Amino acid sequence: MSAATMRPYQVMPPLSDEERAALRADIAERGVLVPVVTDQHGTVIDGHHRQEIAGELGVPYRVDVVEVAGEDEARSVARMYNLARRHLTREQKRQLVADELTARPGRSDREIARMMRCDHKTVGSVRREMRGEIPHPAELSAVQRQWADALYGLMRTRAVEAYERKKAWERENPGKDSFGMFTLHTQEECDDRAVIAEAWRRYGEWATTSEAVRGFLWDWAEGA
């Protein structure tokens, strides 16, 4: 029986020997902290390695059951769990989003983002990249990468400054909430579409994962 048959919903490469050893040591010491997820038929969607190692060690573990309509939906759920839980590189995260877009091309960026629990701008960026509308990061020149680094840094600085202004205002005005707009960059600062796309790609990932400013930026985006 092939690995694909045994693990039909394993959407990521297997753990390296070092990663598996670390997971085994953690489970041996603390048990299985994150439940294994299966479909209604008992097929593992998320937690193949946890289940396997727990079985080897004789450690009990919780199983959460997710009812899915079929294999496509099960793979979508598997991609969502992997995107949320694994320490992935930027390219690995974007590949998971690309896989979901390939499987469900008719869904909007926001629908895919809700399913994958990521920012819809990231989904849109991956979609445009797949269509060839913007260059893949690997295709940027050294100068473009430098400009993208600088623009991304500028955007982060402005976002944090806006966040600090908001918090200061709320401290001075307890019980009241502030609302406003702030500028991340202007066309005069950069008009290279590839550079802007790369800077936004990195900013979007930072803005949705930074515990310091995530809620603030999401609230601001929802109100804009």
C-alpha atoms as a PDB file:
ATOM      1  CA  MET A   1       0.000   0.000   0.000  1.00  0.00           C
ATOM      2  CA  SER A   2       1.447   3.395  -0.991  1.00  0.00           C
ATOM      3  CA  ALA A   3       1.950   6.321   1.375  1.00  0.00           C
ATOM      4  CA  ALA A   4      -0.593   8.293  -0.663  1.00  0.00           C
ATOM      5  CA  THR A   5      -3.171   5.539  -0.087  1.00  0.00           C
ATOM      6  CA  MET A   6      -2.382   5.309   3.620  1.00  0.00           C
ATOM      7  CA  ARG A   7      -2.460   9.108   4.057  1.00  0.00           C
ATOM      8  CA  PRO A   8      -4.802  10.479   1.381  1.00  0.00           C
ATOM      9  CA  TYR A   9      -5.076  13.873   3.105  1.00  0.00           C
ATOM     10  CA  GLN A  10      -1.390  14.409   3.924  1.00  0.00           C
ATOM     11  CA  VAL A  11      -0.916  17.696   2.055  1.00  0.00           C
ATOM     12  CA  MET A  12       2.562  18.514   3.380  1.00  0.00           C
ATOM     13  CA  PRO A  13       5.880  16.684   3.053  1.00  0.00           C
ATOM     14  CA  PRO A  14       6.677  14.276   5.913  1.00  0.00           C
ATOM     15  CA  LEU A  15       8.602  15.552   8.900  1.00  0.00           C
ATOM     16  CA  SER A  16      12.370  15.406   8.750  1.00  0.00           C
ATOM     17  CA  ASP A  17      14.145  12.987  11.084  1.00  0.00           C
ATOM     18  CA  GLU A  18      15.036  15.902  13.356  1.00  0.00           C
ATOM     19  CA  GLU A  19      11.463  17.258  13.411  1.00  0.00           C
ATOM     20  CA  ARG A  20      10.031  13.822  14.084  1.00  0.00           C
ATOM     21  CA  ALA A  21      12.482  13.203  16.915  1.00  0.00           C
ATOM     22  CA  ALA A  22      11.558  16.532  18.500  1.00  0.00           C
ATOM     23  CA  LEU A  23       7.829  15.756  18.219  1.00  0.00           C
ATOM     24  CA  ARG A  24       8.362  12.290  19.687  1.00  0.00           C
ATOM     25  CA  ALA A  25      10.268  13.710  22.651  1.00  0.00           C
ATOM     26  CA  ASP A  26       7.544  16.306  23.250  1.00  0.00           C
ATOM     27  CA  ILE A  27       4.757  13.707  23.141  1.00  0.00           C
ATOM     28  CA  ALA A  28       6.696  11.406  25.457  1.00  0.00           C
ATOM     29  CA  GLU A  29       7.053  14.251  27.970  1.00  0.00           C
ATOM     30  CA  ARG A  30       3.742  16.103  27.678  1.00  0.00           C
ATOM     31  CA  GLY A  31       1.387  13.841  25.748  1.00  0.00           C
ATOM     32  CA  VAL A  32      -0.573  14.779  22.623  1.00  0.00           C
ATOM     33  CA  LEU A  33      -1.615  18.387  23.207  1.00  0.00           C
ATOM     34  CA  VAL A  34      -3.297  18.971  19.831  1.00  0.00           C
ATOM     35  CA  PRO A  35      -6.146  16.590  18.914  1.00  0.00           C
ATOM     36  CA  VAL A  36      -5.941  14.342  15.874  1.00  0.00           C
ATOM     37  CA  VAL A  37      -8.618  15.280  13.332  1.00  0.00           C
ATOM     38  CA  THR A  38     -10.421  12.663  11.233  1.00  0.00           C
ATOM     39  CA  ASP A  39     -13.326  12.656   8.832  1.00  0.00           C
ATOM     40  CA  GLN A  40     -16.572  10.843   9.641  1.00  0.00           C
ATOM     41  CA  HIS A  41     -15.092   7.629   8.248  1.00  0.00           C
ATOM     42  CA  GLY A  42     -12.085   7.673  10.568  1.00  0.00           C
ATOM     43  CA  THR A  43      -9.537   8.767   7.953  1.00  0.00           C
ATOM     44  CA  VAL A  44      -6.982  11.161   9.441  1.00  0.00           C
ATOM     45  CA  ILE A  45      -7.174  14.697   8.064  1.00  0.00           C
ATOM     46  CA  ASP A  46      -4.693  16.319  10.433  1.00  0.00           C
ATOM     47  CA  GLY A  47      -2.304  14.735  12.919  1.00  0.00           C
ATOM     48  CA  HIS A  48      -0.830  11.789  11.017  1.00  0.00           C
ATOM     49  CA  HIS A  49       2.498  12.119  12.809  1.00  0.00           C
ATOM     50  CA  ARG A  50       0.936  12.704  16.233  1.00  0.00           C
ATOM     51  CA  GLN A  51      -1.226   9.617  15.834  1.00  0.00           C
ATOM     52  CA  GLU A  52       1.653   7.476  14.623  1.00  0.00           C
ATOM     53  CA  ILE A  53       4.029   8.503  17.414  1.00  0.00           C
ATOM     54  CA  ALA A  54       1.352   8.264  20.105  1.00  0.00           C
ATOM     55  CA  GLY A  55       0.623   4.741  18.924  1.00  0.00           C
ATOM     56  CA  GLU A  56       4.281   3.810  19.143  1.00  0.00           C
ATOM     57  CA  LEU A  57       4.538   5.215  22.687  1.00  0.00           C
ATOM     58  CA  GLY A  58       1.159   3.963  23.887  1.00  0.00           C
ATOM     59  CA  VAL A  59       0.058   7.513  24.693  1.00  0.00           C
ATOM     60  CA  PRO A  60      -3.706   8.245  24.561  1.00  0.00           C
ATOM     61  CA  TYR A  61      -4.903  11.149  22.424  1.00  0.00           C
ATOM     62  CA  ARG A  62      -8.109  12.986  21.641  1.00  0.00           C
ATOM     63  CA  VAL A  63      -9.751  12.644  18.244  1.00  0.00           C
ATOM     64  CA  ASP A  64     -11.946  15.384  16.783  1.00  0.00           C
ATOM     65  CA  VAL A  65     -14.261  14.353  13.949  1.00  0.00           C
ATOM     66  CA  VAL A  66     -15.038  16.744  11.102  1.00  0.00           C
ATOM     67  CA  GLU A  67     -17.801  15.789   8.707  1.00  0.00           C
ATOM     68  CA  VAL A  68     -16.815  16.531   5.118  1.00  0.00           C
ATOM     69  CA  ALA A  69     -18.705  16.243   1.855  1.00  0.00           C
ATOM     70  CA  GLY A  70     -15.905  14.428   0.060  1.00  0.00           C
ATOM     71  CA  GLU A  71     -12.179  14.166  -0.568  1.00  0.00           C
ATOM     72  CA  ASP A  72     -11.823  17.682  -1.996  1.00  0.00           C
ATOM     73  CA  GLU A  73     -13.313  19.246   1.110  1.00  0.00           C
ATOM     74  CA  ALA A  74     -11.202  16.988   3.336  1.00  0.00           C
ATOM     75  CA  ARG A  75      -8.037  18.191   1.593  1.00  0.00           C
ATOM     76  CA  SER A  76      -9.168  21.795   2.006  1.00  0.00           C
ATOM     77  CA  VAL A  77      -9.605  21.207   5.739  1.00  0.00           C
ATOM     78  CA  ALA A  78      -6.167  19.541   5.864  1.00  0.00           C
ATOM     79  CA  ARG A  79      -4.581  22.559   4.161  1.00  0.00           C
ATOM     80  CA  MET A  80      -6.310  24.893   6.606  1.00  0.00           C
ATOM     81  CA  TYR A  81      -5.031  23.001   9.652  1.00  0.00           C
ATOM     82  CA  ASN A  82      -1.492  22.838   8.272  1.00  0.00           C
ATOM     83  CA  LEU A  83      -1.477  26.545   7.459  1.00  0.00           C
ATOM     84  CA  ALA A  84      -2.598  27.377  10.994  1.00  0.00           C
ATOM     85  CA  ARG A  85      -0.422  24.955  12.971  1.00  0.00           C
ATOM     86  CA  ARG A  86       2.835  24.190  11.208  1.00  0.00           C
ATOM     87  CA  HIS A  87       5.864  26.458  11.300  1.00  0.00           C
ATOM     88  CA  LEU A  88       5.975  26.964   7.562  1.00  0.00           C
ATOM     89  CA  THR A  89       8.126  29.131   5.353  1.00  0.00           C
ATOM     90  CA  ARG A  90       6.455  31.878   3.350  1.00  0.00           C
ATOM     91  CA  GLU A  91       6.722  29.807   0.187  1.00  0.00           C
ATOM     92  CA  GLN A  92       5.167  26.750   1.857  1.00  0.00           C
ATOM     93  CA  LYS A  93       2.237  28.845   3.091  1.00  0.00           C
ATOM     94  CA  ARG A  94       1.720  30.325  -0.350  1.00  0.00           C
ATOM     95  CA  GLN A  95       1.877  26.853  -1.908  1.00  0.00           C
ATOM     96  CA  LEU A  96      -0.958  25.691   0.360  1.00  0.00           C
ATOM     97  CA  VAL A  97      -3.022  28.691  -0.749  1.00  0.00           C
ATOM     98  CA  ALA A  98      -2.141  27.954  -4.393  1.00  0.00           C
ATOM     99  CA  ASP A  99      -3.237  24.328  -3.943  1.00  0.00           C
ATOM    100  CA  GLU A 100      -6.573  25.502  -2.569  1.00  0.00           C
ATOM    101  CA  LEU A 101      -7.018  27.947  -5.453  1.00  0.00           C
ATOM    102  CA  THR A 102      -6.269  25.157  -7.918  1.00  0.00           C
ATOM    103  CA  ALA A 103      -8.837  22.901  -6.247  1.00  0.00           C
ATOM    104  CA  ARG A 104     -11.510  25.618  -5.988  1.00  0.00           C
ATOM    105  CA  PRO A 105     -10.801  28.265  -8.643  1.00  0.00           C
ATOM    106  CA  GLY A 106     -14.353  29.599  -8.580  1.00  0.00           C
ATOM    107  CA  ARG A 107     -14.208  30.728  -4.978  1.00  0.00           C
ATOM    108  CA  SER A 108     -13.472  34.360  -4.191  1.00  0.00           C
ATOM    109  CA  ASP A 109     -10.311  35.522  -2.449  1.00  0.00           C
ATOM    110  CA  ARG A 110     -12.285  36.204   0.730  1.00  0.00           C
ATOM    111  CA  GLU A 111     -13.932  32.773   0.682  1.00  0.00           C
ATOM    112  CA  ILE A 112     -10.559  31.086   0.318  1.00  0.00           C
ATOM    113  CA  ALA A 113      -9.093  33.334   3.029  1.00  0.00           C
ATOM    114  CA  ARG A 114     -11.877  32.448   5.460  1.00  0.00           C
ATOM    115  CA  MET A 115     -11.386  28.757   4.764  1.00  0.00           C
ATOM    116  CA  MET A 116      -7.607  28.921   5.085  1.00  0.00           C
ATOM    117  CA  ARG A 117      -7.711  31.458   7.940  1.00  0.00           C
ATOM    118  CA  CYS A 118      -5.341  33.823   6.229  1.00  0.00           C
ATOM    119  CA  ASP A 119      -5.513  37.338   4.785  1.00  0.00           C
ATOM    120  CA  HIS A 120      -7.512  37.767   1.580  1.00  0.00           C
ATOM    121  CA  LYS A 121      -4.767  40.001   0.168  1.00  0.00           C
ATOM    122  CA  THR A 122      -2.391  37.042   0.374  1.00  0.00           C
ATOM    123  CA  VAL A 123      -4.890  34.903  -1.543  1.00  0.00           C
ATOM    124  CA  GLY A 124      -5.271  37.610  -4.180  1.00  0.00           C
ATOM    125  CA  SER A 125      -1.520  37.941  -4.497  1.00  0.00           C
ATOM    126  CA  VAL A 126      -1.108  34.176  -4.979  1.00  0.00           C
ATOM    127  CA  ARG A 127      -3.946  34.127  -7.523  1.00  0.00           C
ATOM    128  CA  ARG A 128      -2.383  36.933  -9.560  1.00  0.00           C
ATOM    129  CA  GLU A 129       0.991  35.231  -9.350  1.00  0.00           C
ATOM    130  CA  MET A 130      -0.551  32.009 -10.680  1.00  0.00           C
ATOM    131  CA  ARG A 131      -2.057  33.944 -13.570  1.00  0.00           C
ATOM    132  CA  GLY A 132       1.296  35.520 -14.343  1.00  0.00           C
ATOM    133  CA  GLU A 133       0.064  39.025 -13.557  1.00  0.00           C
ATOM    134  CA  ILE A 134       2.871  39.727 -11.089  1.00  0.00           C
ATOM    135  CA  PRO A 135       6.356  38.221 -10.925  1.00  0.00           C
ATOM    136  CA  HIS A 136       7.138  35.421  -8.514  1.00  0.00           C
ATOM    137  CA  PRO A 137       9.439  36.698  -5.710  1.00  0.00           C
ATOM    138  CA  ALA A 138      12.283  34.599  -7.115  1.00  0.00           C
ATOM    139  CA  GLU A 139      12.075  36.608 -10.362  1.00  0.00           C
ATOM    140  CA  LEU A 140      12.774  39.971  -8.698  1.00  0.00           C
ATOM    141  CA  SER A 141      16.145  41.534  -9.358  1.00  0.00           C
ATOM    142  CA  ALA A 142      18.547  42.307  -6.526  1.00  0.00           C
ATOM    143  CA  VAL A 143      17.678  46.006  -6.756  1.00  0.00           C
ATOM    144  CA  GLN A 144      13.944  45.260  -6.687  1.00  0.00           C
ATOM    145  CA  ARG A 145      14.424  43.109  -3.607  1.00  0.00           C
ATOM    146  CA  GLN A 146      16.231  45.967  -1.876  1.00  0.00           C
ATOM    147  CA  TRP A 147      13.416  48.361  -2.752  1.00  0.00           C
ATOM    148  CA  ALA A 148      10.834  45.817  -1.541  1.00  0.00           C
ATOM    149  CA  ASP A 149      12.736  45.428   1.755  1.00  0.00           C
ATOM    150  CA  ALA A 150      12.786  49.192   2.240  1.00  0.00           C
ATOM    151  CA  LEU A 151       9.107  49.643   1.343  1.00  0.00           C
ATOM    152  CA  TYR A 152       8.021  46.775   3.583  1.00  0.00           C
ATOM    153  CA  GLY A 153       9.983  48.266   6.478  1.00  0.00           C
ATOM    154  CA  LEU A 154       8.387  51.660   5.890  1.00  0.00           C
ATOM    155  CA  MET A 155       4.884  50.143   5.835  1.00  0.00           C
ATOM    156  CA  ARG A 156       5.492  48.275   9.077  1.00  0.00           C
ATOM    157  CA  THR A 157       6.822  51.406  10.783  1.00  0.00           C
ATOM    158  CA  ARG A 158       3.787  53.451   9.736  1.00  0.00           C
ATOM    159  CA  ALA A 159       1.365  50.745  10.872  1.00  0.00           C
ATOM    160  CA  VAL A 160       2.986  50.469  14.300  1.00  0.00           C
ATOM    161  CA  GLU A 161       3.029  54.262  14.686  1.00  0.00           C
ATOM    162  CA  ALA A 162      -0.682  54.395  13.821  1.00  0.00           C
ATOM    163  CA  TYR A 163      -1.362  51.627  16.329  1.00  0.00           C
ATOM    164  CA  GLU A 164       0.517  53.519  19.067  1.00  0.00           C
ATOM    165  CA  ARG A 165      -1.405  56.731  18.268  1.00  0.00           C
ATOM    166  CA  LYS A 166      -4.692  54.848  18.534  1.00  0.00           C
ATOM    167  CA  LYS A 167      -3.785  53.311  21.896  1.00  0.00           C
ATOM    168  CA  ALA A 168      -2.575  56.647  23.269  1.00  0.00           C
ATOM    169  CA  TRP A 169      -5.845  58.317  22.249  1.00  0.00           C
ATOM    170  CA  GLU A 170      -7.892  55.538  23.880  1.00  0.00           C
ATOM    171  CA  ARG A 171      -5.881  55.852  27.108  1.00  0.00           C
ATOM    172  CA  GLU A 172      -6.674  59.568  27.187  1.00  0.00           C
ATOM    173  CA  ASN A 173     -10.316  58.943  26.315  1.00  0.00           C
ATOM    174  CA  PRO A 174     -11.344  55.843  28.286  1.00  0.00           C
ATOM    175  CA  GLY A 175     -14.484  54.102  27.117  1.00  0.00           C
ATOM    176  CA  LYS A 176     -14.216  55.544  23.630  1.00  0.00           C
ATOM    177  CA  ASP A 177     -12.884  53.891  20.500  1.00  0.00           C
ATOM    178  CA  SER A 178     -10.953  55.697  17.789  1.00  0.00           C
ATOM    179  CA  PHE A 179     -11.340  55.285  14.062  1.00  0.00           C
ATOM    180  CA  GLY A 180      -9.347  56.684  11.209  1.00  0.00           C
ATOM    181  CA  MET A 181      -7.200  56.003   8.172  1.00  0.00           C
ATOM    182  CA  PHE A 182      -3.471  55.924   7.700  1.00  0.00           C
ATOM    183  CA  THR A 183      -1.213  55.793   4.653  1.00  0.00           C
ATOM    184  CA  LEU A 184       1.176  52.874   4.192  1.00  0.00           C
ATOM    185  CA  HIS A 185       2.913  54.170   1.080  1.00  0.00           C
ATOM    186  CA  THR A 186       2.388  56.522  -1.853  1.00  0.00           C
ATOM    187  CA  GLN A 187       3.000  56.148  -5.570  1.00  0.00           C
ATOM    188  CA  GLU A 188       5.664  58.817  -5.328  1.00  0.00           C
ATOM    189  CA  GLU A 189       7.645  56.587  -2.963  1.00  0.00           C
ATOM    190  CA  CYS A 190       7.467  53.609  -5.324  1.00  0.00           C
ATOM    191  CA  ASP A 191       5.709  52.935  -8.633  1.00  0.00           C
ATOM    192  CA  ASP A 192       7.227  49.534  -9.498  1.00  0.00           C
ATOM    193  CA  ARG A 193       4.292  47.077  -9.422  1.00  0.00           C
ATOM    194  CA  ALA A 194       6.503  44.071  -8.749  1.00  0.00           C
ATOM    195  CA  VAL A 195       8.201  45.800  -5.818  1.00  0.00           C
ATOM    196  CA  ILE A 196       4.874  46.973  -4.396  1.00  0.00           C
ATOM    197  CA  ALA A 197       3.384  43.477  -4.750  1.00  0.00           C
ATOM    198  CA  GLU A 198       6.307  41.898  -2.882  1.00  0.00           C
ATOM    199  CA  ALA A 199       6.183  44.530  -0.124  1.00  0.00           C
ATOM    200  CA  TRP A 200       2.433  44.019   0.295  1.00  0.00           C
ATOM    201  CA  ARG A 201       2.861  40.257   0.281  1.00  0.00           C
ATOM    202  CA  ARG A 202       5.271  40.459   3.212  1.00  0.00           C
ATOM    203  CA  TYR A 203       3.268  43.161   4.993  1.00  0.00           C
ATOM    204  CA  GLY A 204       0.058  41.130   4.734  1.00  0.00           C
ATOM    205  CA  GLU A 205       1.689  38.092   6.309  1.00  0.00           C
ATOM    206  CA  TRP A 206       3.221  40.204   9.085  1.00  0.00           C
ATOM    207  CA  ALA A 207      -0.009  42.135   9.765  1.00  0.00           C
ATOM    208  CA  THR A 208      -2.075  38.974  10.169  1.00  0.00           C
ATOM    209  CA  THR A 209       0.399  37.098  12.381  1.00  0.00           C
ATOM    210  CA  SER A 210       1.886  39.843  14.572  1.00  0.00           C
ATOM    211  CA  GLU A 211       0.297  39.492  18.007  1.00  0.00           C
ATOM    212  CA  ALA A 212       1.211  43.108  18.743  1.00  0.00           C
ATOM    213  CA  VAL A 213      -0.926  44.714  16.042  1.00  0.00           C
ATOM    214  CA  ARG A 214      -3.078  41.974  14.455  1.00  0.00           C
ATOM    215  CA  GLY A 215      -6.387  42.795  16.132  1.00  0.00           C
ATOM    216  CA  PHE A 216      -5.921  46.503  15.552  1.00  0.00           C
ATOM    217  CA  LEU A 217      -5.182  46.092  11.870  1.00  0.00           C
ATOM    218  CA  TRP A 218      -8.057  43.684  11.318  1.00  0.00           C
ATOM    219  CA  ASP A 219     -10.500  45.985  13.139  1.00  0.00           C
ATOM    220  CA  TRP A 220      -9.257  48.898  11.070  1.00  0.00           C
ATOM    221  CA  ALA A 221      -9.613  46.933   7.842  1.00  0.00           C
ATOM    222  CA  GLU A 222     -13.157  45.870   8.716  1.00  0.00           C
ATOM    223  CA  GLY A 223     -14.156  49.460   9.403  1.00  0.00           C
ATOM    224  CA  ALA A 224     -12.495  50.877   6.290  1.00  0.00           C
END
